[in-house]
Amino acid sequence: MEMWMKIAVAALLGVMVWRLWPAANHWLKHGPRGSSQDWQAALLPILAVVAFIVLLILMVRG
């Protein structure tokens, strides 16, 4: 990728972050809060995927 294109992409990403910052800040302050049950429900599939990946790695190594 040419240098001018890298600079243009970096500038575009900077402008996007600058424009989205107020909306993200608003949602962090006024967004819904998760309960402990919500976090447990989200963690269960994540742990299942991690365990499956570890199992696959162990099967390939063995």
PDB file of N, CA and C in Angstrom:
ATOM      1  N   MET A   1       0.854  -1.171   0.000  1.00  0.00           N
ATOM      2  CA  MET A   1       0.000   0.000   0.000  1.00  0.00           C
ATOM      3  C   MET A   1       0.901   1.235   0.000  1.00  0.00           C
ATOM      4  N   GLU A   2       0.538   2.203  -0.806  1.00  0.00           N
ATOM      5  CA  GLU A   2       1.315   3.434  -0.899  1.00  0.00           C
ATOM      6  C   GLU A   2       1.264   4.206   0.415  1.00  0.00           C
ATOM      7  N   MET A   3       2.266   5.029   0.655  1.00  0.00           N
ATOM      8  CA  MET A   3       2.348   5.786   1.895  1.00  0.00           C
ATOM      9  C   MET A   3       1.194   6.768   2.035  1.00  0.00           C
ATOM     10  N   TRP A   4       0.797   7.415   0.929  1.00  0.00           N
ATOM     11  CA  TRP A   4      -0.297   8.395   1.006  1.00  0.00           C
ATOM     12  C   TRP A   4      -1.602   7.713   1.373  1.00  0.00           C
ATOM     13  N   MET A   5      -1.772   6.460   0.939  1.00  0.00           N
ATOM     14  CA  MET A   5      -3.000   5.743   1.256  1.00  0.00           C
ATOM     15  C   MET A   5      -3.012   5.345   2.741  1.00  0.00           C
ATOM     16  N   LYS A   6      -1.864   4.966   3.277  1.00  0.00           N
ATOM     17  CA  LYS A   6      -1.779   4.645   4.698  1.00  0.00           C
ATOM     18  C   LYS A   6      -2.111   5.875   5.543  1.00  0.00           C
ATOM     19  N   ILE A   7      -1.587   7.021   5.141  1.00  0.00           N
ATOM     20  CA  ILE A   7      -1.861   8.258   5.859  1.00  0.00           C
ATOM     21  C   ILE A   7      -3.342   8.607   5.763  1.00  0.00           C
ATOM     22  N   ALA A   8      -3.942   8.426   4.593  1.00  0.00           N
ATOM     23  CA  ALA A   8      -5.361   8.729   4.411  1.00  0.00           C
ATOM     24  C   ALA A   8      -6.236   7.814   5.272  1.00  0.00           C
ATOM     25  N   VAL A   9      -5.901   6.539   5.318  1.00  0.00           N
ATOM     26  CA  VAL A   9      -6.674   5.596   6.130  1.00  0.00           C
ATOM     27  C   VAL A   9      -6.533   5.941   7.611  1.00  0.00           C
ATOM     28  N   ALA A  10      -5.317   6.270   8.057  1.00  0.00           N
ATOM     29  CA  ALA A  10      -5.109   6.648   9.456  1.00  0.00           C
ATOM     30  C   ALA A  10      -5.896   7.913   9.792  1.00  0.00           C
ATOM     31  N   ALA A  11      -5.907   8.888   8.873  1.00  0.00           N
ATOM     32  CA  ALA A  11      -6.664  10.116   9.111  1.00  0.00           C
ATOM     33  C   ALA A  11      -8.161   9.823   9.163  1.00  0.00           C
ATOM     34  N   LEU A  12      -8.646   8.965   8.277  1.00  0.00           N
ATOM     35  CA  LEU A  12     -10.062   8.607   8.264  1.00  0.00           C
ATOM     36  C   LEU A  12     -10.460   7.903   9.568  1.00  0.00           C
ATOM     37  N   LEU A  13      -9.628   6.991  10.036  1.00  0.00           N
ATOM     38  CA  LEU A  13      -9.914   6.317  11.302  1.00  0.00           C
ATOM     39  C   LEU A  13      -9.905   7.298  12.467  1.00  0.00           C
ATOM     40  N   GLY A  14      -8.995   8.246  12.431  1.00  0.00           N
ATOM     41  CA  GLY A  14      -8.961   9.269  13.474  1.00  0.00           C
ATOM     42  C   GLY A  14     -10.226  10.114  13.486  1.00  0.00           C
ATOM     43  N   VAL A  15     -10.705  10.491  12.301  1.00  0.00           N
ATOM     44  CA  VAL A  15     -11.943  11.280  12.207  1.00  0.00           C
ATOM     45  C   VAL A  15     -13.139  10.455  12.691  1.00  0.00           C
ATOM     46  N   MET A  16     -13.160   9.170  12.362  1.00  0.00           N
ATOM     47  CA  MET A  16     -14.262   8.318  12.804  1.00  0.00           C
ATOM     48  C   MET A  16     -14.293   8.218  14.326  1.00  0.00           C
ATOM     49  N   VAL A  17     -13.128   8.027  14.937  1.00  0.00           N
ATOM     50  CA  VAL A  17     -13.079   7.950  16.402  1.00  0.00           C
ATOM     51  C   VAL A  17     -13.520   9.272  17.007  1.00  0.00           C
ATOM     52  N   TRP A  18     -13.069  10.368  16.442  1.00  0.00           N
ATOM     53  CA  TRP A  18     -13.432  11.698  16.943  1.00  0.00           C
ATOM     54  C   TRP A  18     -14.934  11.947  16.847  1.00  0.00           C
ATOM     55  N   ARG A  19     -15.564  11.493  15.749  1.00  0.00           N
ATOM     56  CA  ARG A  19     -16.995  11.697  15.554  1.00  0.00           C
ATOM     57  C   ARG A  19     -17.839  10.755  16.418  1.00  0.00           C
ATOM     58  N   LEU A  20     -17.360   9.543  16.669  1.00  0.00           N
ATOM     59  CA  LEU A  20     -18.132   8.556  17.426  1.00  0.00           C
ATOM     60  C   LEU A  20     -17.944   8.677  18.936  1.00  0.00           C
ATOM     61  N   TRP A  21     -16.950   9.410  19.393  1.00  0.00           N
ATOM     62  CA  TRP A  21     -16.672   9.516  20.819  1.00  0.00           C
ATOM     63  C   TRP A  21     -17.862  10.030  21.632  1.00  0.00           C
ATOM     64  N   PRO A  22     -18.572  11.105  21.210  1.00  0.00           N
ATOM     65  CA  PRO A  22     -19.711  11.565  22.023  1.00  0.00           C
ATOM     66  C   PRO A  22     -20.822  10.519  22.149  1.00  0.00           C
ATOM     67  N   ALA A  23     -21.118   9.797  21.083  1.00  0.00           N
ATOM     68  CA  ALA A  23     -22.162   8.772  21.147  1.00  0.00           C
ATOM     69  C   ALA A  23     -21.746   7.620  22.063  1.00  0.00           C
ATOM     70  N   ALA A  24     -20.497   7.205  21.972  1.00  0.00           N
ATOM     71  CA  ALA A  24     -20.021   6.122  22.827  1.00  0.00           C
ATOM     72  C   ALA A  24     -20.031   6.553  24.290  1.00  0.00           C
ATOM     73  N   ASN A  25     -19.646   7.782  24.538  1.00  0.00           N
ATOM     74  CA  ASN A  25     -19.652   8.297  25.910  1.00  0.00           C
ATOM     75  C   ASN A  25     -21.080   8.340  26.463  1.00  0.00           C
ATOM     76  N   HIS A  26     -22.040   8.756  25.634  1.00  0.00           N
ATOM     77  CA  HIS A  26     -23.445   8.793  26.057  1.00  0.00           C
ATOM     78  C   HIS A  26     -23.946   7.391  26.400  1.00  0.00           C
ATOM     79  N   TRP A  27     -23.651   6.411  25.549  1.00  0.00           N
ATOM     80  CA  TRP A  27     -24.116   5.048  25.802  1.00  0.00           C
ATOM     81  C   TRP A  27     -23.457   4.442  27.034  1.00  0.00           C
ATOM     82  N   LEU A  28     -22.207   4.805  27.301  1.00  0.00           N
ATOM     83  CA  LEU A  28     -21.568   4.295  28.512  1.00  0.00           C
ATOM     84  C   LEU A  28     -22.233   4.846  29.763  1.00  0.00           C
ATOM     85  N   LYS A  29     -22.674   6.090  29.712  1.00  0.00           N
ATOM     86  CA  LYS A  29     -23.309   6.700  30.878  1.00  0.00           C
ATOM     87  C   LYS A  29     -24.773   6.298  31.028  1.00  0.00           C
ATOM     88  N   HIS A  30     -25.503   6.173  29.918  1.00  0.00           N
ATOM     89  CA  HIS A  30     -26.950   5.969  29.973  1.00  0.00           C
ATOM     90  C   HIS A  30     -27.408   4.615  29.439  1.00  0.00           C
ATOM     91  N   GLY A  31     -26.486   3.737  29.117  1.00  0.00           N
ATOM     92  CA  GLY A  31     -26.852   2.440  28.560  1.00  0.00           C
ATOM     93  C   GLY A  31     -27.361   1.482  29.622  1.00  0.00           C
ATOM     94  N   PRO A  32     -27.893   0.344  29.198  1.00  0.00           N
ATOM     95  CA  PRO A  32     -28.405  -0.636  30.158  1.00  0.00           C
ATOM     96  C   PRO A  32     -27.254  -1.292  30.923  1.00  0.00           C
ATOM     97  N   ARG A  33     -27.519  -1.614  32.162  1.00  0.00           N
ATOM     98  CA  ARG A  33     -26.539  -2.288  33.014  1.00  0.00           C
ATOM     99  C   ARG A  33     -26.864  -3.774  33.061  1.00  0.00           C
ATOM    100  N   GLY A  34     -25.842  -4.586  33.033  1.00  0.00           N
ATOM    101  CA  GLY A  34     -26.040  -6.025  33.084  1.00  0.00           C
ATOM    102  C   GLY A  34     -26.051  -6.530  34.512  1.00  0.00           C
ATOM    103  N   SER A  35     -26.902  -7.496  34.766  1.00  0.00           N
ATOM    104  CA  SER A  35     -26.926  -8.114  36.096  1.00  0.00           C
ATOM    105  C   SER A  35     -25.916  -9.259  36.124  1.00  0.00           C
ATOM    106  N   SER A  36     -25.739  -9.852  37.292  1.00  0.00           N
ATOM    107  CA  SER A  36     -24.789 -10.961  37.395  1.00  0.00           C
ATOM    108  C   SER A  36     -25.269 -12.168  36.582  1.00  0.00           C
ATOM    109  N   GLN A  37     -26.578 -12.337  36.459  1.00  0.00           N
ATOM    110  CA  GLN A  37     -27.102 -13.440  35.646  1.00  0.00           C
ATOM    111  C   GLN A  37     -26.793 -13.222  34.169  1.00  0.00           C
ATOM    112  N   ASP A  38     -26.845 -11.973  33.719  1.00  0.00           N
ATOM    113  CA  ASP A  38     -26.497 -11.673  32.331  1.00  0.00           C
ATOM    114  C   ASP A  38     -25.037 -12.019  32.055  1.00  0.00           C
ATOM    115  N   TRP A  39     -24.152 -11.660  32.992  1.00  0.00           N
ATOM    116  CA  TRP A  39     -22.735 -11.945  32.802  1.00  0.00           C
ATOM    117  C   TRP A  39     -22.464 -13.444  32.838  1.00  0.00           C
ATOM    118  N   GLN A  40     -23.162 -14.179  33.698  1.00  0.00           N
ATOM    119  CA  GLN A  40     -22.989 -15.636  33.736  1.00  0.00           C
ATOM    120  C   GLN A  40     -23.461 -16.267  32.432  1.00  0.00           C
ATOM    121  N   ALA A  41     -24.561 -15.768  31.890  1.00  0.00           N
ATOM    122  CA  ALA A  41     -25.082 -16.306  30.628  1.00  0.00           C
ATOM    123  C   ALA A  41     -24.134 -16.005  29.475  1.00  0.00           C
ATOM    124  N   ALA A  42     -23.440 -14.894  29.517  1.00  0.00           N
ATOM    125  CA  ALA A  42     -22.495 -14.556  28.454  1.00  0.00           C
ATOM    126  C   ALA A  42     -21.192 -15.340  28.608  1.00  0.00           C
ATOM    127  N   LEU A  43     -20.778 -15.583  29.841  1.00  0.00           N
ATOM    128  CA  LEU A  43     -19.520 -16.274  30.071  1.00  0.00           C
ATOM    129  C   LEU A  43     -19.580 -17.753  29.738  1.00  0.00           C
ATOM    130  N   LEU A  44     -20.732 -18.373  29.900  1.00  0.00           N
ATOM    131  CA  LEU A  44     -20.854 -19.812  29.652  1.00  0.00           C
ATOM    132  C   LEU A  44     -20.496 -20.189  28.207  1.00  0.00           C
ATOM    133  N   PRO A  45     -21.058 -19.549  27.170  1.00  0.00           N
ATOM    134  CA  PRO A  45     -20.657 -19.913  25.805  1.00  0.00           C
ATOM    135  C   PRO A  45     -19.196 -19.578  25.502  1.00  0.00           C
ATOM    136  N   ILE A  46     -18.687 -18.492  26.079  1.00  0.00           N
ATOM    137  CA  ILE A  46     -17.294 -18.134  25.847  1.00  0.00           C
ATOM    138  C   ILE A  46     -16.372 -19.210  26.413  1.00  0.00           C
ATOM    139  N   LEU A  47     -16.659 -19.668  27.621  1.00  0.00           N
ATOM    140  CA  LEU A  47     -15.856 -20.728  28.223  1.00  0.00           C
ATOM    141  C   LEU A  47     -15.978 -22.030  27.440  1.00  0.00           C
ATOM    142  N   ALA A  48     -17.155 -22.310  26.904  1.00  0.00           N
ATOM    143  CA  ALA A  48     -17.335 -23.520  26.103  1.00  0.00           C
ATOM    144  C   ALA A  48     -16.481 -23.456  24.836  1.00  0.00           C
ATOM    145  N   VAL A  49     -16.424 -22.303  24.200  1.00  0.00           N
ATOM    146  CA  VAL A  49     -15.606 -22.153  22.987  1.00  0.00           C
ATOM    147  C   VAL A  49     -14.130 -22.283  23.327  1.00  0.00           C
ATOM    148  N   VAL A  50     -13.693 -21.672  24.413  1.00  0.00           N
ATOM    149  CA  VAL A  50     -12.288 -21.767  24.820  1.00  0.00           C
ATOM    150  C   VAL A  50     -11.930 -23.217  25.123  1.00  0.00           C
ATOM    151  N   ALA A  51     -12.796 -23.915  25.828  1.00  0.00           N
ATOM    152  CA  ALA A  51     -12.535 -25.325  26.139  1.00  0.00           C
ATOM    153  C   ALA A  51     -12.474 -26.166  24.863  1.00  0.00           C
ATOM    154  N   PHE A  52     -13.332 -25.887  23.904  1.00  0.00           N
ATOM    155  CA  PHE A  52     -13.324 -26.620  22.644  1.00  0.00           C
ATOM    156  C   PHE A  52     -12.033 -26.365  21.873  1.00  0.00           C
ATOM    157  N   ILE A  53     -11.561 -25.130  21.866  1.00  0.00           N
ATOM    158  CA  ILE A  53     -10.318 -24.804  21.162  1.00  0.00           C
ATOM    159  C   ILE A  53      -9.135 -25.488  21.834  1.00  0.00           C
ATOM    160  N   VAL A  54      -9.127 -25.490  23.169  1.00  0.00           N
ATOM    161  CA  VAL A  54      -8.055 -26.186  23.887  1.00  0.00           C
ATOM    162  C   VAL A  54      -8.100 -27.667  23.571  1.00  0.00           C
ATOM    163  N   LEU A  55      -9.282 -28.250  23.525  1.00  0.00           N
ATOM    164  CA  LEU A  55      -9.422 -29.671  23.176  1.00  0.00           C
ATOM    165  C   LEU A  55      -8.879 -29.935  21.780  1.00  0.00           C
ATOM    166  N   LEU A  56      -9.202 -29.075  20.816  1.00  0.00           N
ATOM    167  CA  LEU A  56      -8.686 -29.252  19.449  1.00  0.00           C
ATOM    168  C   LEU A  56      -7.157 -29.161  19.418  1.00  0.00           C
ATOM    169  N   ILE A  57      -6.606 -28.209  20.156  1.00  0.00           N
ATOM    170  CA  ILE A  57      -5.151 -28.071  20.186  1.00  0.00           C
ATOM    171  C   ILE A  57      -4.499 -29.320  20.775  1.00  0.00           C
ATOM    172  N   LEU A  58      -5.080 -29.832  21.861  1.00  0.00           N
ATOM    173  CA  LEU A  58      -4.537 -31.035  22.478  1.00  0.00           C
ATOM    174  C   LEU A  58      -4.645 -32.253  21.562  1.00  0.00           C
ATOM    175  N   MET A  59      -5.710 -32.324  20.784  1.00  0.00           N
ATOM    176  CA  MET A  59      -5.874 -33.444  19.859  1.00  0.00           C
ATOM    177  C   MET A  59      -4.852 -33.376  18.726  1.00  0.00           C
ATOM    178  N   VAL A  60      -4.540 -32.191  18.258  1.00  0.00           N
ATOM    179  CA  VAL A  60      -3.594 -32.045  17.178  1.00  0.00           C
ATOM    180  C   VAL A  60      -2.166 -32.327  17.668  1.00  0.00           C
ATOM    181  N   ARG A  61      -1.856 -31.909  18.881  1.00  0.00           N
ATOM    182  CA  ARG A  61      -0.520 -32.122  19.434  1.00  0.00           C
ATOM    183  C   ARG A  61      -0.249 -33.585  19.741  1.00  0.00           C
ATOM    184  N   GLY A  62      -1.282 -34.317  20.148  1.00  0.00           N
ATOM    185  CA  GLY A  62      -1.111 -35.681  20.626  1.00  0.00           C
ATOM    186  C   GLY A  62      -0.918 -36.704  19.612  1.00  0.00           C
TER     187      GLY A  62
END
